[in-house]
Amino acid sequence: MTTGAHKDSIPGAIRVAARALIIEEGRLLVMKYRDEKGTWCVTPGGGIRKSETLGEGLRREVREELGIDVQPDDIVYVRELLGRTAKVHFGGINDETHQLEIFFHCRRSGELKPGTTPDSHCIGFDWVPLKELPAHNFFPAALGKRLSEDVSAGFVPHRNYLGDA
């Protein structure tokens, strides 16, 4: 395995991740990260383990990261992350990375707190206004540019497959 890759990655395999879009009062809950290349933010969630459903893995990941429970609703986006075409390799992404990410609109219950199993490079969480996502180095950038409009439209399915974004 290439150094710096996600610890649960299997060489040669596509990693599947589930991500939570938790939106309250026009703000998105994001996880903040920092490494030697800079700072960035992403939605909570992560890699799905063998024999977990997407929903089970998403609930586990969010509990580990934020100590809250989530109820996954609709799948609203699907994204592929190819390291070989990524503009920046933050947080262990490298040329060998191939990750399929499924974004669920989620409702949360419980008070946010640092989770028991934070990811490496994680420096906390924040609520970011949807229109400000690009200014916060949000990934995927393609989602940060369109999420505010999509929420206003009620997540009407329309080109929600983001491809290699």
C-alpha atoms as a PDB file:
ATOM      1  CA  MET A   1       0.000   0.000   0.000  1.00  0.00           C
ATOM      2  CA  THR A   2       1.228   3.481  -0.821  1.00  0.00           C
ATOM      3  CA  THR A   3       2.330   5.492   2.209  1.00  0.00           C
ATOM      4  CA  GLY A   4      -0.270   7.985   3.384  1.00  0.00           C
ATOM      5  CA  ALA A   5      -3.261   6.155   1.888  1.00  0.00           C
ATOM      6  CA  HIS A   6      -6.381   5.614   3.972  1.00  0.00           C
ATOM      7  CA  LYS A   7      -5.619   2.895   6.501  1.00  0.00           C
ATOM      8  CA  ASP A   8      -8.627   0.864   5.357  1.00  0.00           C
ATOM      9  CA  SER A   9      -7.726   1.014   1.658  1.00  0.00           C
ATOM     10  CA  ILE A  10      -7.030  -2.235  -0.131  1.00  0.00           C
ATOM     11  CA  PRO A  11      -4.373  -1.980  -2.843  1.00  0.00           C
ATOM     12  CA  GLY A  12      -5.987  -2.168  -6.272  1.00  0.00           C
ATOM     13  CA  ALA A  13      -9.550  -1.877  -4.919  1.00  0.00           C
ATOM     14  CA  ILE A  14     -12.034   0.954  -5.140  1.00  0.00           C
ATOM     15  CA  ARG A  15     -12.720   2.335  -1.662  1.00  0.00           C
ATOM     16  CA  VAL A  16     -16.401   3.038  -0.981  1.00  0.00           C
ATOM     17  CA  ALA A  17     -17.279   5.887   1.376  1.00  0.00           C
ATOM     18  CA  ALA A  18     -20.599   7.251   2.633  1.00  0.00           C
ATOM     19  CA  ARG A  19     -20.881  10.948   3.453  1.00  0.00           C
ATOM     20  CA  ALA A  20     -23.470  12.881   5.497  1.00  0.00           C
ATOM     21  CA  LEU A  21     -24.938  16.152   4.289  1.00  0.00           C
ATOM     22  CA  ILE A  22     -26.243  17.636   7.546  1.00  0.00           C
ATOM     23  CA  ILE A  23     -27.728  21.042   6.778  1.00  0.00           C
ATOM     24  CA  GLU A  24     -29.299  23.265   9.415  1.00  0.00           C
ATOM     25  CA  GLU A  25     -30.257  26.936   9.110  1.00  0.00           C
ATOM     26  CA  GLY A  26     -28.481  27.279   5.762  1.00  0.00           C
ATOM     27  CA  ARG A  27     -25.217  25.845   7.090  1.00  0.00           C
ATOM     28  CA  LEU A  28     -23.434  22.568   6.362  1.00  0.00           C
ATOM     29  CA  LEU A  29     -21.722  20.572   9.100  1.00  0.00           C
ATOM     30  CA  VAL A  30     -18.140  19.916   7.987  1.00  0.00           C
ATOM     31  CA  MET A  31     -15.082  18.187   9.362  1.00  0.00           C
ATOM     32  CA  LYS A  32     -11.959  20.396   9.309  1.00  0.00           C
ATOM     33  CA  TYR A  33      -8.517  19.001   8.500  1.00  0.00           C
ATOM     34  CA  ARG A  34      -4.923  20.219   8.305  1.00  0.00           C
ATOM     35  CA  ASP A  35      -1.732  18.650   7.015  1.00  0.00           C
ATOM     36  CA  GLU A  36       1.571  19.894   5.588  1.00  0.00           C
ATOM     37  CA  LYS A  37      -0.242  20.931   2.367  1.00  0.00           C
ATOM     38  CA  GLY A  38      -2.840  23.146   4.053  1.00  0.00           C
ATOM     39  CA  THR A  39      -6.340  23.115   5.497  1.00  0.00           C
ATOM     40  CA  TRP A  40      -9.578  21.835   3.998  1.00  0.00           C
ATOM     41  CA  CYS A  41     -12.998  20.555   4.970  1.00  0.00           C
ATOM     42  CA  VAL A  42     -15.312  17.736   3.926  1.00  0.00           C
ATOM     43  CA  THR A  43     -18.623  16.319   5.066  1.00  0.00           C
ATOM     44  CA  PRO A  44     -18.605  13.769   7.904  1.00  0.00           C
ATOM     45  CA  GLY A  45     -18.386  10.117   6.932  1.00  0.00           C
ATOM     46  CA  GLY A  46     -15.860   7.715   5.556  1.00  0.00           C
ATOM     47  CA  GLY A  47     -14.978   4.240   4.406  1.00  0.00           C
ATOM     48  CA  ILE A  48     -17.516   1.430   4.546  1.00  0.00           C
ATOM     49  CA  ARG A  49     -16.365  -1.850   6.037  1.00  0.00           C
ATOM     50  CA  LYS A  50     -16.969  -5.230   4.443  1.00  0.00           C
ATOM     51  CA  SER A  51     -20.493  -6.480   5.303  1.00  0.00           C
ATOM     52  CA  GLU A  52     -21.739  -3.036   6.388  1.00  0.00           C
ATOM     53  CA  THR A  53     -24.543  -1.383   4.481  1.00  0.00           C
ATOM     54  CA  LEU A  54     -23.955   2.205   3.377  1.00  0.00           C
ATOM     55  CA  GLY A  55     -26.325   3.402   6.112  1.00  0.00           C
ATOM     56  CA  GLU A  56     -24.666   1.329   8.834  1.00  0.00           C
ATOM     57  CA  GLY A  57     -21.211   2.523   7.839  1.00  0.00           C
ATOM     58  CA  LEU A  58     -22.325   6.131   7.643  1.00  0.00           C
ATOM     59  CA  ARG A  59     -23.913   6.010  11.098  1.00  0.00           C
ATOM     60  CA  ARG A  60     -20.743   4.393  12.541  1.00  0.00           C
ATOM     61  CA  GLU A  61     -18.421   6.920  10.902  1.00  0.00           C
ATOM     62  CA  VAL A  62     -20.437   9.948  12.064  1.00  0.00           C
ATOM     63  CA  ARG A  63     -20.684   8.531  15.600  1.00  0.00           C
ATOM     64  CA  GLU A  64     -16.888   8.013  15.635  1.00  0.00           C
ATOM     65  CA  GLU A  65     -16.204  11.524  14.306  1.00  0.00           C
ATOM     66  CA  LEU A  66     -18.882  13.605  16.060  1.00  0.00           C
ATOM     67  CA  GLY A  67     -20.516  11.511  18.775  1.00  0.00           C
ATOM     68  CA  ILE A  68     -23.992  11.958  17.242  1.00  0.00           C
ATOM     69  CA  ASP A  69     -26.523   9.728  15.550  1.00  0.00           C
ATOM     70  CA  VAL A  70     -27.724  10.398  12.018  1.00  0.00           C
ATOM     71  CA  GLN A  71     -30.669   9.166  10.035  1.00  0.00           C
ATOM     72  CA  PRO A  72     -29.673   8.844   6.359  1.00  0.00           C
ATOM     73  CA  ASP A  73     -32.427   9.938   3.990  1.00  0.00           C
ATOM     74  CA  ASP A  74     -32.094  10.162   0.215  1.00  0.00           C
ATOM     75  CA  ILE A  75     -28.885   9.687  -1.728  1.00  0.00           C
ATOM     76  CA  VAL A  76     -28.340  13.076  -3.341  1.00  0.00           C
ATOM     77  CA  TYR A  77     -24.908  12.758  -4.973  1.00  0.00           C
ATOM     78  CA  VAL A  78     -22.414  10.167  -6.116  1.00  0.00           C
ATOM     79  CA  ARG A  79     -18.807  11.197  -6.631  1.00  0.00           C
ATOM     80  CA  GLU A  80     -15.669   9.459  -7.806  1.00  0.00           C
ATOM     81  CA  LEU A  81     -12.329  10.602  -6.464  1.00  0.00           C
ATOM     82  CA  LEU A  82      -9.401   9.661  -8.664  1.00  0.00           C
ATOM     83  CA  GLY A  83      -6.075  10.585  -7.162  1.00  0.00           C
ATOM     84  CA  ARG A  84      -4.367  10.703 -10.554  1.00  0.00           C
ATOM     85  CA  THR A  85      -6.592  13.627 -11.633  1.00  0.00           C
ATOM     86  CA  ALA A  86      -7.003  15.363  -8.255  1.00  0.00           C
ATOM     87  CA  LYS A  87      -5.665  18.904  -8.244  1.00  0.00           C
ATOM     88  CA  VAL A  88      -4.490  18.589  -4.619  1.00  0.00           C
ATOM     89  CA  HIS A  89      -3.537  15.507  -2.614  1.00  0.00           C
ATOM     90  CA  PHE A  90      -4.752  16.325   0.886  1.00  0.00           C
ATOM     91  CA  GLY A  91      -4.970  13.833   3.749  1.00  0.00           C
ATOM     92  CA  GLY A  92      -3.462  10.715   2.248  1.00  0.00           C
ATOM     93  CA  ILE A  93      -4.929  11.003  -1.248  1.00  0.00           C
ATOM     94  CA  ASN A  94      -2.338   9.872  -3.764  1.00  0.00           C
ATOM     95  CA  ASP A  95      -2.150   8.872  -7.435  1.00  0.00           C
ATOM     96  CA  GLU A  96      -3.373   5.349  -6.575  1.00  0.00           C
ATOM     97  CA  THR A  97      -6.541   6.566  -4.824  1.00  0.00           C
ATOM     98  CA  HIS A  98      -9.889   5.570  -6.341  1.00  0.00           C
ATOM     99  CA  GLN A  99     -12.813   6.269  -4.039  1.00  0.00           C
ATOM    100  CA  LEU A 100     -16.544   6.139  -4.714  1.00  0.00           C
ATOM    101  CA  GLU A 101     -18.430   8.510  -2.403  1.00  0.00           C
ATOM    102  CA  ILE A 102     -22.182   8.376  -1.815  1.00  0.00           C
ATOM    103  CA  PHE A 103     -23.659  11.525  -0.229  1.00  0.00           C
ATOM    104  CA  PHE A 104     -26.821  11.166   1.870  1.00  0.00           C
ATOM    105  CA  HIS A 105     -29.037  13.968   3.093  1.00  0.00           C
ATOM    106  CA  CYS A 106     -29.158  13.275   6.854  1.00  0.00           C
ATOM    107  CA  ARG A 107     -30.934  14.378   9.990  1.00  0.00           C
ATOM    108  CA  ARG A 108     -28.969  14.389  13.222  1.00  0.00           C
ATOM    109  CA  SER A 109     -29.817  13.752  16.846  1.00  0.00           C
ATOM    110  CA  GLY A 110     -27.576  14.544  19.782  1.00  0.00           C
ATOM    111  CA  GLU A 111     -25.150  17.290  20.649  1.00  0.00           C
ATOM    112  CA  LEU A 112     -21.944  17.592  18.641  1.00  0.00           C
ATOM    113  CA  LYS A 113     -18.684  16.768  20.392  1.00  0.00           C
ATOM    114  CA  PRO A 114     -15.305  15.526  19.295  1.00  0.00           C
ATOM    115  CA  GLY A 115     -15.704  11.871  18.453  1.00  0.00           C
ATOM    116  CA  THR A 116     -13.879   8.943  19.998  1.00  0.00           C
ATOM    117  CA  THR A 117     -12.078   7.973  16.788  1.00  0.00           C
ATOM    118  CA  PRO A 118     -11.053  11.086  14.835  1.00  0.00           C
ATOM    119  CA  ASP A 119      -9.392  10.710  11.453  1.00  0.00           C
ATOM    120  CA  SER A 120      -5.743  11.631  11.136  1.00  0.00           C
ATOM    121  CA  HIS A 121      -5.279  15.327  10.316  1.00  0.00           C
ATOM    122  CA  CYS A 122      -8.721  16.188  11.802  1.00  0.00           C
ATOM    123  CA  ILE A 123      -8.711  19.459  13.756  1.00  0.00           C
ATOM    124  CA  GLY A 124     -12.437  19.699  14.535  1.00  0.00           C
ATOM    125  CA  PHE A 125     -15.794  20.500  13.005  1.00  0.00           C
ATOM    126  CA  ASP A 126     -17.707  23.627  12.017  1.00  0.00           C
ATOM    127  CA  TRP A 127     -20.998  24.862  10.589  1.00  0.00           C
ATOM    128  CA  VAL A 128     -20.256  26.651   7.300  1.00  0.00           C
ATOM    129  CA  PRO A 129     -22.865  28.741   5.444  1.00  0.00           C
ATOM    130  CA  LEU A 130     -23.621  26.972   2.152  1.00  0.00           C
ATOM    131  CA  LYS A 131     -22.675  29.977   0.046  1.00  0.00           C
ATOM    132  CA  GLU A 132     -19.260  30.161   1.762  1.00  0.00           C
ATOM    133  CA  LEU A 133     -18.135  26.571   1.134  1.00  0.00           C
ATOM    134  CA  PRO A 134     -15.689  27.432  -1.684  1.00  0.00           C
ATOM    135  CA  ALA A 135     -13.921  29.974   0.555  1.00  0.00           C
ATOM    136  CA  HIS A 136     -13.345  27.248   3.174  1.00  0.00           C
ATOM    137  CA  ASN A 137     -11.472  24.917   0.787  1.00  0.00           C
ATOM    138  CA  PHE A 138     -14.385  22.471   0.776  1.00  0.00           C
ATOM    139  CA  PHE A 139     -14.038  19.194  -1.110  1.00  0.00           C
ATOM    140  CA  PRO A 140     -15.290  18.167  -3.520  1.00  0.00           C
ATOM    141  CA  ALA A 141     -15.041  21.690  -4.921  1.00  0.00           C
ATOM    142  CA  ALA A 142     -17.686  20.918  -7.567  1.00  0.00           C
ATOM    143  CA  LEU A 143     -20.186  20.207  -4.794  1.00  0.00           C
ATOM    144  CA  GLY A 144     -19.238  23.308  -2.829  1.00  0.00           C
ATOM    145  CA  LYS A 145     -20.047  25.444  -5.867  1.00  0.00           C
ATOM    146  CA  ARG A 146     -23.544  24.001  -6.381  1.00  0.00           C
ATOM    147  CA  LEU A 147     -24.841  22.809  -3.005  1.00  0.00           C
ATOM    148  CA  SER A 148     -26.589  26.076  -2.058  1.00  0.00           C
ATOM    149  CA  GLU A 149     -28.623  26.093  -5.292  1.00  0.00           C
ATOM    150  CA  ASP A 150     -29.406  22.377  -5.011  1.00  0.00           C
ATOM    151  CA  VAL A 151     -30.687  22.795  -1.436  1.00  0.00           C
ATOM    152  CA  SER A 152     -32.872  25.722  -2.542  1.00  0.00           C
ATOM    153  CA  ALA A 153     -34.307  23.507  -5.288  1.00  0.00           C
ATOM    154  CA  GLY A 154     -35.015  20.702  -2.790  1.00  0.00           C
ATOM    155  CA  PHE A 155     -32.351  18.305  -4.118  1.00  0.00           C
ATOM    156  CA  VAL A 156     -34.324  17.624  -7.269  1.00  0.00           C
ATOM    157  CA  PRO A 157     -32.385  14.862  -9.055  1.00  0.00           C
ATOM    158  CA  HIS A 158     -30.578  16.553 -11.889  1.00  0.00           C
ATOM    159  CA  ARG A 159     -27.027  15.603 -12.829  1.00  0.00           C
ATOM    160  CA  ASN A 160     -26.311  14.454  -9.290  1.00  0.00           C
ATOM    161  CA  TYR A 161     -23.580  12.069 -10.411  1.00  0.00           C
ATOM    162  CA  LEU A 162     -20.508  14.251  -9.944  1.00  0.00           C
ATOM    163  CA  GLY A 163     -18.082  11.928 -11.738  1.00  0.00           C
ATOM    164  CA  ASP A 164     -14.382  12.482 -11.094  1.00  0.00           C
ATOM    165  CA  ALA A 165     -14.833  15.807  -9.340  1.00  0.00           C
END
